Amino acid sequence: MTVRGKANRTGRTERGEHFAPMTRSLMEEPAWRALSSSAQALYPWLRLEWRGPQANNNGQIRLSVRQAADKMGVGINTAARAFHDLQAKGFLVVTEHARLGLSGEAKAPAYELTELGLPHASERGGRRLYRDWRSGHDFPVHKAMANNPTGRRTRAKPCHRDGDGTVIELVTKSRSTSPK
């Protein structure tokens, strides 16, 4: 939400301060109290990415782990755990996974804040999944897959699958130089 400012010579209002209201009812939920302090610090930054009810972008809110770590003043792993904690408690849902764009630029995941309604939704408020959270019953968390989880520089061995699903390893002949 923005504070309305004076209209400039083109007739448009200049952007004022941007703020993210935090309601007491949200902060008194058991799921909020169960959040880590880093997840509680991340949530207002996600709320600031919401453009308000007129230009509702809920479900398309993008904030990368690196951007969040920079804004919060913490490490990347702490910011990633904060995103996971918000998902597990029902405050955040991944609507679109991170990906590499056509031009080779990375796109952060898109999120839905369950406190807020989605654009073109019939209900005014959001799904508020955090109200259904119970201790020990976390919601599923989407974690980004590592491109090379083992950290090795090896190639996968070629294999062939039969019709019944059994895997047959192919033996590849190593290239050797012929003595001349």
N, C-alpha and C. Protein backbone atom coordinates (compact mmCIF):
# COMPACT_ATOMS: atom_id res chain seq x y z
N MET A 1 0.84 -1.17 0.00
CA MET A 1 0.00 0.00 0.00
C MET A 1 0.89 1.24 0.00
N THR A 2 0.46 2.25 -0.67
CA THR A 2 1.25 3.48 -0.71
C THR A 2 0.44 4.61 -0.11
N VAL A 3 1.16 5.58 0.42
CA VAL A 3 0.52 6.78 0.92
C VAL A 3 0.31 7.70 -0.27
N ARG A 4 -0.85 8.27 -0.39
CA ARG A 4 -1.15 9.15 -1.51
C ARG A 4 -0.38 10.46 -1.37
N GLY A 5 0.23 10.87 -2.44
CA GLY A 5 0.99 12.12 -2.43
C GLY A 5 0.31 13.14 -3.32
N LYS A 6 0.98 14.26 -3.51
CA LYS A 6 0.45 15.31 -4.39
C LYS A 6 0.55 14.87 -5.83
N ALA A 7 -0.37 15.31 -6.63
CA ALA A 7 -0.33 14.99 -8.05
C ALA A 7 0.74 15.85 -8.72
N ASN A 8 1.53 15.23 -9.58
CA ASN A 8 2.55 15.98 -10.31
C ASN A 8 1.93 16.60 -11.56
N ARG A 9 2.73 17.21 -12.42
CA ARG A 9 2.16 17.92 -13.57
C ARG A 9 1.51 17.00 -14.59
N THR A 10 1.81 15.69 -14.56
CA THR A 10 1.15 14.77 -15.49
C THR A 10 -0.18 14.27 -14.93
N GLY A 11 -0.49 14.62 -13.69
CA GLY A 11 -1.74 14.20 -13.09
C GLY A 11 -1.61 12.94 -12.25
N ARG A 12 -0.43 12.33 -12.25
CA ARG A 12 -0.22 11.13 -11.45
C ARG A 12 0.27 11.51 -10.06
N THR A 13 -0.08 10.69 -9.09
CA THR A 13 0.42 10.93 -7.74
C THR A 13 1.79 10.30 -7.60
N GLU A 14 2.66 10.99 -6.91
CA GLU A 14 4.00 10.47 -6.69
C GLU A 14 3.95 9.46 -5.56
N ARG A 15 4.79 8.46 -5.67
CA ARG A 15 4.79 7.41 -4.65
C ARG A 15 5.32 7.96 -3.35
N GLY A 16 4.59 7.68 -2.30
CA GLY A 16 5.02 8.07 -0.97
C GLY A 16 5.70 6.89 -0.30
N GLU A 17 5.70 6.90 0.98
CA GLU A 17 6.29 5.81 1.74
C GLU A 17 5.51 4.52 1.52
N HIS A 18 6.22 3.44 1.46
CA HIS A 18 5.63 2.12 1.29
C HIS A 18 5.68 1.43 2.65
N PHE A 19 4.58 0.86 3.09
CA PHE A 19 4.56 0.22 4.39
C PHE A 19 3.82 -1.10 4.32
N ALA A 20 4.07 -1.97 5.30
CA ALA A 20 3.43 -3.28 5.38
C ALA A 20 2.78 -3.41 6.76
N PRO A 21 1.46 -3.30 6.83
CA PRO A 21 0.81 -3.40 8.15
C PRO A 21 0.88 -4.83 8.69
N MET A 22 1.20 -4.93 9.96
CA MET A 22 1.20 -6.22 10.66
C MET A 22 0.07 -6.17 11.68
N THR A 23 -0.87 -7.08 11.58
CA THR A 23 -2.01 -7.05 12.48
C THR A 23 -1.74 -7.89 13.72
N ARG A 24 -2.34 -7.46 14.81
CA ARG A 24 -2.18 -8.17 16.08
C ARG A 24 -2.75 -9.58 15.98
N SER A 25 -3.88 -9.74 15.29
CA SER A 25 -4.49 -11.06 15.20
C SER A 25 -3.55 -12.06 14.52
N LEU A 26 -2.79 -11.61 13.53
CA LEU A 26 -1.82 -12.47 12.87
C LEU A 26 -0.69 -12.84 13.83
N MET A 27 -0.20 -11.84 14.56
CA MET A 27 0.94 -12.07 15.44
C MET A 27 0.59 -12.83 16.71
N GLU A 28 -0.71 -13.00 16.99
CA GLU A 28 -1.12 -13.78 18.15
C GLU A 28 -1.46 -15.23 17.79
N GLU A 29 -1.35 -15.58 16.52
CA GLU A 29 -1.59 -16.95 16.09
C GLU A 29 -0.50 -17.88 16.63
N PRO A 30 -0.84 -19.12 17.01
CA PRO A 30 0.18 -20.07 17.46
C PRO A 30 1.25 -20.33 16.41
N ALA A 31 0.87 -20.32 15.13
CA ALA A 31 1.85 -20.54 14.06
C ALA A 31 2.87 -19.41 14.01
N TRP A 32 2.44 -18.17 14.27
CA TRP A 32 3.38 -17.04 14.26
C TRP A 32 4.38 -17.18 15.41
N ARG A 33 3.88 -17.56 16.58
CA ARG A 33 4.77 -17.71 17.74
C ARG A 33 5.75 -18.87 17.54
N ALA A 34 5.39 -19.84 16.72
CA ALA A 34 6.27 -20.98 16.47
C ALA A 34 7.32 -20.68 15.41
N LEU A 35 7.17 -19.56 14.68
CA LEU A 35 8.15 -19.20 13.67
C LEU A 35 9.48 -18.81 14.31
N SER A 36 10.55 -19.04 13.58
CA SER A 36 11.87 -18.56 14.02
C SER A 36 11.88 -17.04 13.91
N SER A 37 12.80 -16.41 14.62
CA SER A 37 12.88 -14.94 14.56
C SER A 37 13.27 -14.47 13.17
N SER A 38 14.08 -15.26 12.46
CA SER A 38 14.44 -14.86 11.09
C SER A 38 13.23 -14.94 10.16
N ALA A 39 12.35 -15.91 10.35
CA ALA A 39 11.13 -16.00 9.54
C ALA A 39 10.19 -14.85 9.86
N GLN A 40 10.11 -14.47 11.13
CA GLN A 40 9.30 -13.31 11.50
C GLN A 40 9.86 -12.03 10.91
N ALA A 41 11.18 -11.95 10.77
CA ALA A 41 11.80 -10.77 10.18
C ALA A 41 11.62 -10.75 8.66
N LEU A 42 11.53 -11.92 8.04
CA LEU A 42 11.37 -12.00 6.58
C LEU A 42 9.96 -11.63 6.15
N TYR A 43 8.96 -11.97 6.93
CA TYR A 43 7.56 -11.79 6.52
C TYR A 43 7.23 -10.34 6.12
N PRO A 44 7.63 -9.32 6.90
CA PRO A 44 7.32 -7.95 6.45
C PRO A 44 7.98 -7.59 5.12
N TRP A 45 9.16 -8.13 4.84
CA TRP A 45 9.80 -7.87 3.55
C TRP A 45 8.98 -8.47 2.41
N LEU A 46 8.38 -9.63 2.65
CA LEU A 46 7.51 -10.22 1.63
C LEU A 46 6.23 -9.40 1.47
N ARG A 47 5.70 -8.90 2.58
CA ARG A 47 4.50 -8.06 2.52
C ARG A 47 4.77 -6.77 1.74
N LEU A 48 6.00 -6.25 1.85
CA LEU A 48 6.35 -5.04 1.11
C LEU A 48 6.38 -5.27 -0.40
N GLU A 49 6.55 -6.50 -0.83
CA GLU A 49 6.54 -6.82 -2.26
C GLU A 49 5.12 -6.86 -2.82
N TRP A 50 4.12 -6.93 -1.96
CA TRP A 50 2.72 -6.92 -2.40
C TRP A 50 2.36 -5.50 -2.81
N ARG A 51 1.70 -5.33 -3.94
CA ARG A 51 1.41 -3.99 -4.49
C ARG A 51 0.10 -3.40 -4.02
N GLY A 52 -0.63 -4.10 -3.20
CA GLY A 52 -1.89 -3.56 -2.68
C GLY A 52 -3.09 -4.14 -3.39
N PRO A 53 -4.29 -3.83 -2.91
CA PRO A 53 -5.50 -4.45 -3.46
C PRO A 53 -5.83 -4.02 -4.89
N GLN A 54 -5.42 -2.80 -5.30
CA GLN A 54 -5.73 -2.35 -6.65
C GLN A 54 -4.90 -3.07 -7.69
N ALA A 55 -3.63 -3.27 -7.43
CA ALA A 55 -2.72 -3.96 -8.35
C ALA A 55 -2.27 -5.25 -7.68
N ASN A 56 -3.21 -6.08 -7.31
CA ASN A 56 -2.92 -7.29 -6.52
C ASN A 56 -2.01 -8.23 -7.28
N ASN A 57 -0.83 -8.46 -6.73
CA ASN A 57 0.13 -9.39 -7.33
C ASN A 57 0.37 -10.59 -6.43
N ASN A 58 -0.55 -10.84 -5.50
CA ASN A 58 -0.39 -12.01 -4.64
C ASN A 58 -0.45 -13.27 -5.49
N GLY A 59 0.44 -14.18 -5.24
CA GLY A 59 0.61 -15.36 -6.08
C GLY A 59 1.74 -15.17 -7.06
N GLN A 60 2.16 -13.92 -7.27
CA GLN A 60 3.28 -13.58 -8.16
C GLN A 60 4.32 -12.74 -7.42
N ILE A 61 4.36 -12.83 -6.10
CA ILE A 61 5.33 -12.08 -5.30
C ILE A 61 6.67 -12.78 -5.42
N ARG A 62 7.68 -12.05 -5.84
CA ARG A 62 9.01 -12.63 -6.05
C ARG A 62 10.03 -11.94 -5.16
N LEU A 63 10.76 -12.75 -4.40
CA LEU A 63 11.87 -12.28 -3.59
C LEU A 63 12.83 -13.45 -3.48
N SER A 64 14.02 -13.28 -4.01
CA SER A 64 14.98 -14.39 -3.99
C SER A 64 15.60 -14.52 -2.60
N VAL A 65 16.21 -15.65 -2.36
CA VAL A 65 16.87 -15.90 -1.08
C VAL A 65 18.01 -14.90 -0.90
N ARG A 66 18.74 -14.62 -1.96
CA ARG A 66 19.86 -13.66 -1.86
C ARG A 66 19.36 -12.26 -1.55
N GLN A 67 18.27 -11.85 -2.20
CA GLN A 67 17.70 -10.53 -1.91
C GLN A 67 17.22 -10.45 -0.47
N ALA A 68 16.56 -11.51 -0.01
CA ALA A 68 16.05 -11.54 1.37
C ALA A 68 17.20 -11.51 2.37
N ALA A 69 18.26 -12.25 2.10
CA ALA A 69 19.42 -12.25 3.00
C ALA A 69 20.03 -10.86 3.08
N ASP A 70 20.10 -10.18 1.94
CA ASP A 70 20.66 -8.83 1.92
C ASP A 70 19.78 -7.86 2.71
N LYS A 71 18.47 -7.93 2.51
CA LYS A 71 17.54 -7.04 3.22
C LYS A 71 17.54 -7.29 4.72
N MET A 72 17.63 -8.57 5.12
CA MET A 72 17.57 -8.92 6.54
C MET A 72 18.92 -8.80 7.23
N GLY A 73 20.00 -8.75 6.46
CA GLY A 73 21.33 -8.67 7.05
C GLY A 73 21.80 -9.99 7.64
N VAL A 74 21.40 -11.10 7.00
CA VAL A 74 21.78 -12.44 7.47
C VAL A 74 22.43 -13.20 6.32
N GLY A 75 22.88 -14.40 6.60
CA GLY A 75 23.46 -15.24 5.56
C GLY A 75 22.39 -15.88 4.69
N ILE A 76 22.82 -16.44 3.57
CA ILE A 76 21.90 -17.06 2.62
C ILE A 76 21.20 -18.27 3.23
N ASN A 77 21.93 -19.09 3.99
CA ASN A 77 21.31 -20.27 4.59
C ASN A 77 20.24 -19.89 5.61
N THR A 78 20.47 -18.82 6.37
CA THR A 78 19.47 -18.36 7.34
C THR A 78 18.22 -17.88 6.62
N ALA A 79 18.40 -17.14 5.53
CA ALA A 79 17.25 -16.66 4.76
C ALA A 79 16.48 -17.83 4.15
N ALA A 80 17.20 -18.83 3.63
CA ALA A 80 16.53 -19.99 3.05
C ALA A 80 15.73 -20.74 4.11
N ARG A 81 16.28 -20.90 5.31
CA ARG A 81 15.54 -21.55 6.40
C ARG A 81 14.31 -20.74 6.79
N ALA A 82 14.39 -19.41 6.71
CA ALA A 82 13.24 -18.57 7.02
C ALA A 82 12.12 -18.79 6.00
N PHE A 83 12.46 -18.88 4.71
CA PHE A 83 11.46 -19.19 3.69
C PHE A 83 10.81 -20.54 3.98
N HIS A 84 11.62 -21.54 4.32
CA HIS A 84 11.09 -22.88 4.60
C HIS A 84 10.18 -22.86 5.82
N ASP A 85 10.56 -22.11 6.85
CA ASP A 85 9.75 -22.02 8.06
C ASP A 85 8.40 -21.37 7.77
N LEU A 86 8.39 -20.31 6.96
CA LEU A 86 7.12 -19.66 6.60
C LEU A 86 6.22 -20.60 5.79
N GLN A 87 6.81 -21.43 4.94
CA GLN A 87 6.02 -22.42 4.20
C GLN A 87 5.47 -23.49 5.13
N ALA A 88 6.29 -23.96 6.05
CA ALA A 88 5.89 -25.05 6.95
C ALA A 88 4.76 -24.63 7.87
N LYS A 89 4.71 -23.36 8.23
CA LYS A 89 3.67 -22.88 9.15
C LYS A 89 2.43 -22.36 8.43
N GLY A 90 2.45 -22.32 7.10
CA GLY A 90 1.26 -21.95 6.34
C GLY A 90 1.13 -20.48 6.00
N PHE A 91 2.18 -19.70 6.15
CA PHE A 91 2.13 -18.28 5.81
C PHE A 91 2.45 -18.03 4.34
N LEU A 92 3.14 -18.97 3.72
CA LEU A 92 3.67 -18.79 2.38
C LEU A 92 3.48 -20.07 1.57
N VAL A 93 3.09 -19.92 0.30
CA VAL A 93 2.94 -21.06 -0.60
C VAL A 93 3.67 -20.72 -1.90
N VAL A 94 4.46 -21.66 -2.39
CA VAL A 94 5.16 -21.46 -3.67
C VAL A 94 4.15 -21.71 -4.79
N THR A 95 3.95 -20.71 -5.65
CA THR A 95 3.02 -20.86 -6.77
C THR A 95 3.76 -21.13 -8.08
N GLU A 96 5.03 -20.75 -8.14
CA GLU A 96 5.82 -20.97 -9.35
C GLU A 96 7.26 -21.19 -8.91
N HIS A 97 7.87 -22.25 -9.39
CA HIS A 97 9.23 -22.59 -9.00
C HIS A 97 10.24 -21.67 -9.65
N ALA A 98 11.41 -21.58 -9.05
CA ALA A 98 12.50 -20.79 -9.62
C ALA A 98 12.94 -21.43 -10.93
N ARG A 99 13.42 -20.59 -11.84
CA ARG A 99 13.83 -21.13 -13.13
C ARG A 99 14.80 -20.17 -13.80
N LEU A 100 15.40 -20.66 -14.84
CA LEU A 100 16.27 -19.85 -15.67
C LEU A 100 15.43 -19.36 -16.85
N GLY A 101 15.43 -18.09 -17.09
CA GLY A 101 14.64 -17.53 -18.18
C GLY A 101 15.27 -17.81 -19.52
N LEU A 102 14.58 -17.44 -20.58
CA LEU A 102 15.07 -17.67 -21.94
C LEU A 102 16.37 -16.93 -22.21
N SER A 103 16.53 -15.77 -21.60
CA SER A 103 17.74 -14.98 -21.82
C SER A 103 18.88 -15.41 -20.91
N GLY A 104 18.65 -16.43 -20.09
CA GLY A 104 19.69 -16.92 -19.20
C GLY A 104 19.67 -16.27 -17.83
N GLU A 105 18.73 -15.37 -17.60
CA GLU A 105 18.62 -14.72 -16.30
C GLU A 105 17.72 -15.56 -15.40
N ALA A 106 18.12 -15.70 -14.15
CA ALA A 106 17.35 -16.49 -13.19
C ALA A 106 16.11 -15.74 -12.75
N LYS A 107 15.04 -16.47 -12.48
CA LYS A 107 13.81 -15.91 -11.93
C LYS A 107 13.58 -16.55 -10.58
N ALA A 108 13.35 -15.73 -9.57
CA ALA A 108 13.07 -16.23 -8.23
C ALA A 108 11.71 -16.92 -8.21
N PRO A 109 11.46 -17.78 -7.23
CA PRO A 109 10.14 -18.39 -7.14
C PRO A 109 9.05 -17.34 -6.89
N ALA A 110 7.84 -17.64 -7.29
CA ALA A 110 6.70 -16.77 -7.02
C ALA A 110 5.97 -17.34 -5.81
N TYR A 111 5.52 -16.44 -4.93
CA TYR A 111 4.89 -16.84 -3.69
C TYR A 111 3.49 -16.26 -3.56
N GLU A 112 2.68 -16.97 -2.79
CA GLU A 112 1.37 -16.47 -2.36
C GLU A 112 1.45 -16.28 -0.86
N LEU A 113 1.07 -15.11 -0.39
CA LEU A 113 0.93 -14.88 1.04
C LEU A 113 -0.49 -15.29 1.40
N THR A 114 -0.64 -16.31 2.23
CA THR A 114 -1.97 -16.87 2.48
C THR A 114 -2.85 -15.93 3.30
N GLU A 115 -2.26 -14.91 3.89
CA GLU A 115 -3.04 -13.91 4.64
C GLU A 115 -3.87 -13.05 3.69
N LEU A 116 -3.38 -12.87 2.46
CA LEU A 116 -4.00 -11.97 1.49
C LEU A 116 -4.77 -12.76 0.44
N GLY A 117 -5.81 -12.15 -0.09
CA GLY A 117 -6.59 -12.78 -1.15
C GLY A 117 -5.85 -12.76 -2.48
N LEU A 118 -6.11 -13.74 -3.29
CA LEU A 118 -5.54 -13.79 -4.64
C LEU A 118 -6.31 -12.87 -5.56
N PRO A 119 -5.69 -12.40 -6.65
CA PRO A 119 -6.43 -11.57 -7.60
C PRO A 119 -7.59 -12.37 -8.21
N HIS A 120 -8.68 -11.72 -8.42
CA HIS A 120 -9.86 -12.33 -9.05
C HIS A 120 -10.44 -13.47 -8.22
N ALA A 121 -10.17 -13.49 -6.91
CA ALA A 121 -10.75 -14.53 -6.05
C ALA A 121 -12.08 -14.02 -5.50
N SER A 122 -12.98 -14.95 -5.27
CA SER A 122 -14.30 -14.55 -4.78
C SER A 122 -14.27 -14.11 -3.32
N GLU A 123 -13.39 -14.74 -2.52
CA GLU A 123 -13.32 -14.34 -1.11
C GLU A 123 -12.40 -13.13 -0.96
N ARG A 124 -12.73 -12.28 -0.02
CA ARG A 124 -11.97 -11.06 0.17
C ARG A 124 -10.63 -11.34 0.84
N GLY A 125 -10.62 -12.17 1.86
CA GLY A 125 -9.39 -12.50 2.57
C GLY A 125 -8.70 -13.68 1.91
N GLY A 126 -7.56 -14.00 2.42
CA GLY A 126 -6.81 -15.12 1.87
C GLY A 126 -7.22 -16.45 2.49
N ARG A 127 -6.47 -17.48 2.15
CA ARG A 127 -6.79 -18.82 2.66
C ARG A 127 -6.41 -18.98 4.12
N ARG A 128 -5.44 -18.21 4.58
CA ARG A 128 -4.99 -18.22 5.98
C ARG A 128 -4.71 -19.64 6.48
N LEU A 129 -3.84 -20.33 5.78
CA LEU A 129 -3.50 -21.71 6.14
C LEU A 129 -2.87 -21.81 7.52
N TYR A 130 -2.22 -20.74 7.97
CA TYR A 130 -1.56 -20.75 9.27
C TYR A 130 -2.54 -21.00 10.42
N ARG A 131 -3.81 -20.72 10.21
CA ARG A 131 -4.81 -20.99 11.25
C ARG A 131 -5.02 -22.48 11.46
N ASP A 132 -4.75 -23.29 10.44
CA ASP A 132 -4.92 -24.74 10.54
C ASP A 132 -3.65 -25.45 11.00
N TRP A 133 -2.57 -24.71 11.19
CA TRP A 133 -1.30 -25.32 11.61
C TRP A 133 -1.39 -25.80 13.05
N ARG A 134 -0.84 -26.98 13.31
CA ARG A 134 -0.74 -27.54 14.65
C ARG A 134 0.70 -27.97 14.88
N SER A 135 1.14 -27.90 16.09
CA SER A 135 2.52 -28.28 16.43
C SER A 135 2.77 -29.73 16.01
N GLY A 136 3.84 -29.93 15.28
CA GLY A 136 4.18 -31.26 14.79
C GLY A 136 3.52 -31.63 13.47
N HIS A 137 2.66 -30.77 12.95
CA HIS A 137 1.96 -31.03 11.69
C HIS A 137 2.21 -29.89 10.72
N ASP A 138 3.46 -29.80 10.24
CA ASP A 138 3.84 -28.74 9.32
C ASP A 138 3.28 -28.99 7.93
N PHE A 139 3.13 -27.92 7.18
CA PHE A 139 2.72 -28.00 5.79
C PHE A 139 3.92 -28.41 4.94
N PRO A 140 3.70 -28.96 3.74
CA PRO A 140 4.82 -29.33 2.88
C PRO A 140 5.65 -28.11 2.48
N VAL A 141 6.95 -28.32 2.40
CA VAL A 141 7.89 -27.24 2.07
C VAL A 141 8.53 -27.56 0.74
N HIS A 142 8.52 -26.58 -0.16
CA HIS A 142 9.21 -26.74 -1.44
C HIS A 142 10.62 -26.22 -1.27
N LYS A 143 11.59 -27.08 -1.45
CA LYS A 143 12.98 -26.69 -1.38
C LYS A 143 13.56 -26.73 -2.78
N ALA A 144 14.34 -25.75 -3.12
CA ALA A 144 14.97 -25.70 -4.44
C ALA A 144 15.99 -26.82 -4.55
N MET A 145 16.01 -27.46 -5.69
CA MET A 145 16.94 -28.56 -5.92
C MET A 145 18.31 -27.99 -6.31
N ALA A 146 19.34 -28.61 -5.79
CA ALA A 146 20.70 -28.22 -6.17
C ALA A 146 20.99 -28.79 -7.55
N ASN A 147 21.71 -28.05 -8.36
CA ASN A 147 22.04 -28.53 -9.70
C ASN A 147 23.00 -29.71 -9.63
N ASN A 148 23.90 -29.69 -8.69
CA ASN A 148 24.88 -30.76 -8.53
C ASN A 148 24.93 -31.13 -7.05
N PRO A 149 23.97 -31.92 -6.55
CA PRO A 149 23.87 -32.17 -5.11
C PRO A 149 25.08 -32.89 -4.52
N THR A 150 25.80 -33.69 -5.31
CA THR A 150 26.96 -34.41 -4.77
C THR A 150 28.20 -33.54 -4.80
N GLY A 151 28.24 -32.54 -5.65
CA GLY A 151 29.39 -31.67 -5.74
C GLY A 151 30.53 -32.27 -6.54
N ARG A 152 30.30 -33.41 -7.18
CA ARG A 152 31.35 -34.05 -7.97
C ARG A 152 31.28 -33.59 -9.42
N ARG A 153 32.38 -33.72 -10.09
CA ARG A 153 32.44 -33.31 -11.50
C ARG A 153 32.38 -34.54 -12.40
N THR A 154 31.57 -35.51 -12.05
CA THR A 154 31.50 -36.73 -12.85
C THR A 154 30.26 -36.71 -13.71
N ARG A 155 30.32 -37.45 -14.79
CA ARG A 155 29.15 -37.60 -15.66
C ARG A 155 28.43 -38.87 -15.28
N ALA A 156 27.14 -38.86 -15.47
CA ALA A 156 26.36 -40.07 -15.21
C ALA A 156 26.70 -41.12 -16.25
N LYS A 157 26.75 -42.36 -15.82
CA LYS A 157 27.04 -43.45 -16.75
C LYS A 157 25.82 -43.67 -17.63
N PRO A 158 26.04 -43.87 -18.92
CA PRO A 158 24.89 -44.12 -19.80
C PRO A 158 24.24 -45.45 -19.45
N CYS A 159 22.94 -45.49 -19.53
CA CYS A 159 22.23 -46.74 -19.24
C CYS A 159 21.04 -46.85 -20.20
N HIS A 160 20.51 -48.05 -20.25
CA HIS A 160 19.37 -48.33 -21.11
C HIS A 160 18.32 -49.04 -20.29
N ARG A 161 17.07 -48.66 -20.44
CA ARG A 161 15.98 -49.32 -19.72
C ARG A 161 15.24 -50.25 -20.68
N ASP A 162 15.04 -51.48 -20.21
CA ASP A 162 14.24 -52.43 -20.99
C ASP A 162 12.77 -52.07 -20.86
N GLY A 163 11.94 -52.77 -21.59
CA GLY A 163 10.50 -52.56 -21.54
C GLY A 163 9.91 -52.81 -20.16
N ASP A 164 10.51 -53.73 -19.38
CA ASP A 164 9.98 -54.02 -18.05
C ASP A 164 10.57 -53.10 -16.97
N GLY A 165 11.42 -52.14 -17.35
CA GLY A 165 11.94 -51.16 -16.40
C GLY A 165 13.29 -51.50 -15.82
N THR A 166 13.85 -52.67 -16.14
CA THR A 166 15.17 -53.00 -15.61
C THR A 166 16.23 -52.18 -16.32
N VAL A 167 17.24 -51.81 -15.58
CA VAL A 167 18.30 -50.97 -16.12
C VAL A 167 19.47 -51.83 -16.53
N ILE A 168 19.92 -51.61 -17.74
CA ILE A 168 21.09 -52.30 -18.25
C ILE A 168 22.19 -51.27 -18.40
N GLU A 169 23.30 -51.48 -17.72
CA GLU A 169 24.41 -50.54 -17.85
C GLU A 169 25.16 -50.83 -19.14
N LEU A 170 25.48 -49.79 -19.84
CA LEU A 170 26.23 -49.94 -21.07
C LEU A 170 27.72 -49.82 -20.77
N VAL A 171 28.48 -50.69 -21.33
CA VAL A 171 29.92 -50.64 -21.16
C VAL A 171 30.47 -49.78 -22.27
N THR A 172 31.16 -48.75 -21.89
CA THR A 172 31.74 -47.88 -22.90
C THR A 172 33.23 -48.13 -22.96
N LYS A 173 33.72 -48.14 -24.15
CA LYS A 173 35.14 -48.40 -24.37
C LYS A 173 35.89 -47.09 -24.21
N SER A 174 36.91 -47.09 -23.39
CA SER A 174 37.67 -45.87 -23.22
C SER A 174 38.56 -45.64 -24.43
N ARG A 175 38.72 -44.43 -24.76
CA ARG A 175 39.56 -44.10 -25.92
C ARG A 175 41.02 -44.22 -25.54
N SER A 176 41.73 -44.89 -26.33
CA SER A 176 43.18 -44.99 -26.06
C SER A 176 43.92 -44.52 -27.29
N THR A 177 45.07 -44.00 -27.05
CA THR A 177 45.86 -43.52 -28.18
C THR A 177 46.64 -44.69 -28.75
N SER A 178 46.67 -44.80 -30.03
CA SER A 178 47.39 -45.89 -30.65
C SER A 178 48.87 -45.54 -30.77
N PRO A 179 49.73 -46.49 -30.42
CA PRO A 179 51.16 -46.19 -30.51
C PRO A 179 51.59 -46.15 -31.97
N LYS A 180 52.37 -45.21 -32.33
CA LYS A 180 52.86 -45.11 -33.70
C LYS A 180 54.34 -45.09 -33.73
